[in-house]
Amino acid sequence: MYKVVVNDEEQYSIWPAARDVPAGWHEEGTSGTEEECTAHIERVWVDMRPRSLRT
């Protein structure tokens, strides 16, 4: 099982559910298989630029 994590720049990744989230990242709220988490990220992460470059 995996969980979706996101950082302060709104960049997404997946992380093993059994491991602590690395510093600078927090849980986004979605968990599932690697494929499910990746599909979720593909739906919600529409602008790949870091948040600081979008303004």
PDB file of N, CA and C in Angstrom:
ATOM      1  N   MET A   1       0.843  -1.187   0.000  1.00  0.00           N
ATOM      2  CA  MET A   1       0.000   0.000   0.000  1.00  0.00           C
ATOM      3  C   MET A   1       0.886   1.247   0.000  1.00  0.00           C
ATOM      4  N   TYR A   2       0.353   2.292  -0.610  1.00  0.00           N
ATOM      5  CA  TYR A   2       1.053   3.564  -0.739  1.00  0.00           C
ATOM      6  C   TYR A   2       0.127   4.686  -0.313  1.00  0.00           C
ATOM      7  N   LYS A   3       0.720   5.850  -0.091  1.00  0.00           N
ATOM      8  CA  LYS A   3      -0.053   7.056   0.176  1.00  0.00           C
ATOM      9  C   LYS A   3       0.501   8.171  -0.699  1.00  0.00           C
ATOM     10  N   VAL A   4      -0.361   9.112  -1.023  1.00  0.00           N
ATOM     11  CA  VAL A   4       0.043  10.271  -1.806  1.00  0.00           C
ATOM     12  C   VAL A   4       0.540  11.330  -0.833  1.00  0.00           C
ATOM     13  N   VAL A   5       1.703  11.891  -1.148  1.00  0.00           N
ATOM     14  CA  VAL A   5       2.274  12.956  -0.331  1.00  0.00           C
ATOM     15  C   VAL A   5       2.485  14.182  -1.206  1.00  0.00           C
ATOM     16  N   VAL A   6       2.506  15.344  -0.571  1.00  0.00           N
ATOM     17  CA  VAL A   6       2.673  16.608  -1.286  1.00  0.00           C
ATOM     18  C   VAL A   6       3.570  17.507  -0.446  1.00  0.00           C
ATOM     19  N   ASN A   7       4.372  18.338  -1.117  1.00  0.00           N
ATOM     20  CA  ASN A   7       5.235  19.260  -0.376  1.00  0.00           C
ATOM     21  C   ASN A   7       4.681  20.682  -0.457  1.00  0.00           C
ATOM     22  N   ASP A   8       5.388  21.625   0.155  1.00  0.00           N
ATOM     23  CA  ASP A   8       4.908  23.008   0.200  1.00  0.00           C
ATOM     24  C   ASP A   8       4.862  23.667  -1.174  1.00  0.00           C
ATOM     25  N   GLU A   9       5.583  23.116  -2.141  1.00  0.00           N
ATOM     26  CA  GLU A   9       5.553  23.631  -3.514  1.00  0.00           C
ATOM     27  C   GLU A   9       4.453  22.959  -4.338  1.00  0.00           C
ATOM     28  N   GLU A  10       3.614  22.162  -3.662  1.00  0.00           N
ATOM     29  CA  GLU A  10       2.507  21.438  -4.291  1.00  0.00           C
ATOM     30  C   GLU A  10       2.984  20.462  -5.358  1.00  0.00           C
ATOM     31  N   GLN A  11       4.115  19.812  -5.080  1.00  0.00           N
ATOM     32  CA  GLN A  11       4.619  18.734  -5.914  1.00  0.00           C
ATOM     33  C   GLN A  11       4.193  17.424  -5.262  1.00  0.00           C
ATOM     34  N   TYR A  12       3.722  16.485  -6.050  1.00  0.00           N
ATOM     35  CA  TYR A  12       3.155  15.239  -5.543  1.00  0.00           C
ATOM     36  C   TYR A  12       4.114  14.075  -5.728  1.00  0.00           C
ATOM     37  N   SER A  13       3.953  13.082  -4.868  1.00  0.00           N
ATOM     38  CA  SER A  13       4.694  11.835  -4.983  1.00  0.00           C
ATOM     39  C   SER A  13       3.913  10.746  -4.270  1.00  0.00           C
ATOM     40  N   ILE A  14       4.352   9.507  -4.446  1.00  0.00           N
ATOM     41  CA  ILE A  14       3.779   8.417  -3.658  1.00  0.00           C
ATOM     42  C   ILE A  14       4.849   7.936  -2.689  1.00  0.00           C
ATOM     43  N   TRP A  15       4.394   7.391  -1.569  1.00  0.00           N
ATOM     44  CA  TRP A  15       5.297   6.957  -0.512  1.00  0.00           C
ATOM     45  C   TRP A  15       4.732   5.690   0.107  1.00  0.00           C
ATOM     46  N   PRO A  16       5.583   4.731   0.454  1.00  0.00           N
ATOM     47  CA  PRO A  16       5.070   3.516   1.098  1.00  0.00           C
ATOM     48  C   PRO A  16       4.276   3.851   2.363  1.00  0.00           C
ATOM     49  N   ALA A  17       3.099   3.281   2.483  1.00  0.00           N
ATOM     50  CA  ALA A  17       2.205   3.610   3.599  1.00  0.00           C
ATOM     51  C   ALA A  17       2.802   3.256   4.952  1.00  0.00           C
ATOM     52  N   ALA A  18       3.655   2.250   5.009  1.00  0.00           N
ATOM     53  CA  ALA A  18       4.226   1.811   6.280  1.00  0.00           C
ATOM     54  C   ALA A  18       5.402   2.670   6.740  1.00  0.00           C
ATOM     55  N   ARG A  19       5.855   3.582   5.912  1.00  0.00           N
ATOM     56  CA  ARG A  19       7.018   4.408   6.264  1.00  0.00           C
ATOM     57  C   ARG A  19       6.577   5.803   6.662  1.00  0.00           C
ATOM     58  N   ASP A  20       7.369   6.437   7.523  1.00  0.00           N
ATOM     59  CA  ASP A  20       7.106   7.820   7.909  1.00  0.00           C
ATOM     60  C   ASP A  20       7.309   8.726   6.699  1.00  0.00           C
ATOM     61  N   VAL A  21       6.494   9.750   6.611  1.00  0.00           N
ATOM     62  CA  VAL A  21       6.605  10.720   5.522  1.00  0.00           C
ATOM     63  C   VAL A  21       7.888  11.524   5.730  1.00  0.00           C
ATOM     64  N   PRO A  22       8.682  11.735   4.677  1.00  0.00           N
ATOM     65  CA  PRO A  22       9.937  12.472   4.830  1.00  0.00           C
ATOM     66  C   PRO A  22       9.693  13.937   5.178  1.00  0.00           C
ATOM     67  N   ALA A  23      10.691  14.554   5.766  1.00  0.00           N
ATOM     68  CA  ALA A  23      10.619  15.968   6.137  1.00  0.00           C
ATOM     69  C   ALA A  23      10.296  16.806   4.905  1.00  0.00           C
ATOM     70  N   GLY A  24       9.442  17.793   5.084  1.00  0.00           N
ATOM     71  CA  GLY A  24       9.064  18.679   3.996  1.00  0.00           C
ATOM     72  C   GLY A  24       7.863  18.204   3.193  1.00  0.00           C
ATOM     73  N   TRP A  25       7.343  17.034   3.523  1.00  0.00           N
ATOM     74  CA  TRP A  25       6.195  16.468   2.833  1.00  0.00           C
ATOM     75  C   TRP A  25       5.101  16.184   3.843  1.00  0.00           C
ATOM     76  N   HIS A  26       3.848  16.139   3.393  1.00  0.00           N
ATOM     77  CA  HIS A  26       2.742  15.745   4.266  1.00  0.00           C
ATOM     78  C   HIS A  26       1.760  14.882   3.464  1.00  0.00           C
ATOM     79  N   GLU A  27       0.987  14.103   4.193  1.00  0.00           N
ATOM     80  CA  GLU A  27       0.020  13.226   3.541  1.00  0.00           C
ATOM     81  C   GLU A  27      -1.085  14.054   2.899  1.00  0.00           C
ATOM     82  N   GLU A  28      -1.443  13.702   1.681  1.00  0.00           N
ATOM     83  CA  GLU A  28      -2.477  14.409   0.926  1.00  0.00           C
ATOM     84  C   GLU A  28      -3.859  13.864   1.251  1.00  0.00           C
ATOM     85  N   GLY A  29      -3.928  12.603   1.693  1.00  0.00           N
ATOM     86  CA  GLY A  29      -5.206  12.018   2.076  1.00  0.00           C
ATOM     87  C   GLY A  29      -5.641  10.838   1.236  1.00  0.00           C
ATOM     88  N   THR A  30      -4.900  10.543   0.181  1.00  0.00           N
ATOM     89  CA  THR A  30      -5.236   9.422  -0.691  1.00  0.00           C
ATOM     90  C   THR A  30      -4.268   8.278  -0.433  1.00  0.00           C
ATOM     91  N   SER A  31      -4.794   7.064  -0.381  1.00  0.00           N
ATOM     92  CA  SER A  31      -3.938   5.886  -0.247  1.00  0.00           C
ATOM     93  C   SER A  31      -4.510   4.771  -1.101  1.00  0.00           C
ATOM     94  N   GLY A  32      -3.672   3.808  -1.437  1.00  0.00           N
ATOM     95  CA  GLY A  32      -4.098   2.673  -2.245  1.00  0.00           C
ATOM     96  C   GLY A  32      -2.904   1.988  -2.856  1.00  0.00           C
ATOM     97  N   THR A  33      -3.142   1.277  -3.939  1.00  0.00           N
ATOM     98  CA  THR A  33      -2.043   0.624  -4.644  1.00  0.00           C
ATOM     99  C   THR A  33      -1.189   1.685  -5.334  1.00  0.00           C
ATOM    100  N   GLU A  34      -0.020   1.271  -5.788  1.00  0.00           N
ATOM    101  CA  GLU A  34       0.843   2.194  -6.520  1.00  0.00           C
ATOM    102  C   GLU A  34       0.110   2.757  -7.736  1.00  0.00           C
ATOM    103  N   GLU A  35      -0.606   1.911  -8.436  1.00  0.00           N
ATOM    104  CA  GLU A  35      -1.335   2.340  -9.633  1.00  0.00           C
ATOM    105  C   GLU A  35      -2.457   3.320  -9.290  1.00  0.00           C
ATOM    106  N   GLU A  36      -3.189   3.054  -8.208  1.00  0.00           N
ATOM    107  CA  GLU A  36      -4.272   3.955  -7.796  1.00  0.00           C
ATOM    108  C   GLU A  36      -3.727   5.320  -7.392  1.00  0.00           C
ATOM    109  N   CYS A  37      -2.635   5.321  -6.641  1.00  0.00           N
ATOM    110  CA  CYS A  37      -2.048   6.592  -6.205  1.00  0.00           C
ATOM    111  C   CYS A  37      -1.492   7.376  -7.386  1.00  0.00           C
ATOM    112  N   THR A  38      -0.835   6.681  -8.301  1.00  0.00           N
ATOM    113  CA  THR A  38      -0.300   7.343  -9.488  1.00  0.00           C
ATOM    114  C   THR A  38      -1.426   7.915 -10.345  1.00  0.00           C
ATOM    115  N   ALA A  39      -2.505   7.183 -10.506  1.00  0.00           N
ATOM    116  CA  ALA A  39      -3.653   7.671 -11.279  1.00  0.00           C
ATOM    117  C   ALA A  39      -4.258   8.908 -10.622  1.00  0.00           C
ATOM    118  N   HIS A  40      -4.338   8.920  -9.302  1.00  0.00           N
ATOM    119  CA  HIS A  40      -4.866  10.085  -8.584  1.00  0.00           C
ATOM    120  C   HIS A  40      -3.978  11.303  -8.837  1.00  0.00           C
ATOM    121  N   ILE A  41      -2.668  11.121  -8.736  1.00  0.00           N
ATOM    122  CA  ILE A  41      -1.742  12.230  -8.968  1.00  0.00           C
ATOM    123  C   ILE A  41      -1.899  12.756 -10.389  1.00  0.00           C
ATOM    124  N   GLU A  42      -2.041  11.883 -11.360  1.00  0.00           N
ATOM    125  CA  GLU A  42      -2.220  12.315 -12.751  1.00  0.00           C
ATOM    126  C   GLU A  42      -3.486  13.138 -12.929  1.00  0.00           C
ATOM    127  N   ARG A  43      -4.515  12.871 -12.129  1.00  0.00           N
ATOM    128  CA  ARG A  43      -5.769  13.643 -12.212  1.00  0.00           C
ATOM    129  C   ARG A  43      -5.648  15.009 -11.544  1.00  0.00           C
ATOM    130  N   VAL A  44      -4.955  15.095 -10.410  1.00  0.00           N
ATOM    131  CA  VAL A  44      -4.979  16.337  -9.628  1.00  0.00           C
ATOM    132  C   VAL A  44      -3.778  17.250  -9.855  1.00  0.00           C
ATOM    133  N   TRP A  45      -2.658  16.714 -10.306  1.00  0.00           N
ATOM    134  CA  TRP A  45      -1.451  17.532 -10.477  1.00  0.00           C
ATOM    135  C   TRP A  45      -1.395  17.993 -11.925  1.00  0.00           C
ATOM    136  N   VAL A  46      -2.154  19.036 -12.230  1.00  0.00           N
ATOM    137  CA  VAL A  46      -2.300  19.480 -13.616  1.00  0.00           C
ATOM    138  C   VAL A  46      -1.241  20.496 -14.030  1.00  0.00           C
ATOM    139  N   ASP A  47      -0.633  21.179 -13.088  1.00  0.00           N
ATOM    140  CA  ASP A  47       0.424  22.153 -13.386  1.00  0.00           C
ATOM    141  C   ASP A  47       1.681  21.696 -12.658  1.00  0.00           C
ATOM    142  N   MET A  48       2.629  21.153 -13.398  1.00  0.00           N
ATOM    143  CA  MET A  48       3.824  20.553 -12.804  1.00  0.00           C
ATOM    144  C   MET A  48       4.817  21.580 -12.256  1.00  0.00           C
ATOM    145  N   ARG A  49       4.611  22.846 -12.561  1.00  0.00           N
ATOM    146  CA  ARG A  49       5.546  23.852 -12.050  1.00  0.00           C
ATOM    147  C   ARG A  49       5.399  23.971 -10.539  1.00  0.00           C
ATOM    148  N   PRO A  50       6.522  24.184  -9.830  1.00  0.00           N
ATOM    149  CA  PRO A  50       6.417  24.437  -8.394  1.00  0.00           C
ATOM    150  C   PRO A  50       5.529  25.658  -8.143  1.00  0.00           C
ATOM    151  N   ARG A  51       4.828  25.656  -7.040  1.00  0.00           N
ATOM    152  CA  ARG A  51       3.902  26.746  -6.721  1.00  0.00           C
ATOM    153  C   ARG A  51       4.582  28.109  -6.795  1.00  0.00           C
ATOM    154  N   SER A  52       5.840  28.194  -6.365  1.00  0.00           N
ATOM    155  CA  SER A  52       6.543  29.479  -6.352  1.00  0.00           C
ATOM    156  C   SER A  52       6.769  30.045  -7.752  1.00  0.00           C
ATOM    157  N   LEU A  53       6.689  29.223  -8.779  1.00  0.00           N
ATOM    158  CA  LEU A  53       6.876  29.697 -10.155  1.00  0.00           C
ATOM    159  C   LEU A  53       5.569  29.986 -10.875  1.00  0.00           C
ATOM    160  N   ARG A  54       4.446  29.721 -10.246  1.00  0.00           N
ATOM    161  CA  ARG A  54       3.147  29.910 -10.906  1.00  0.00           C
ATOM    162  C   ARG A  54       2.605  31.320 -10.793  1.00  0.00           C
ATOM    163  N   THR A  55       3.176  32.139  -9.970  1.00  0.00           N
ATOM    164  CA  THR A  55       2.629  33.489  -9.776  1.00  0.00           C
ATOM    165  C   THR A  55       3.267  34.501 -10.680  1.00  0.00           C
TER     166      THR A  55
END
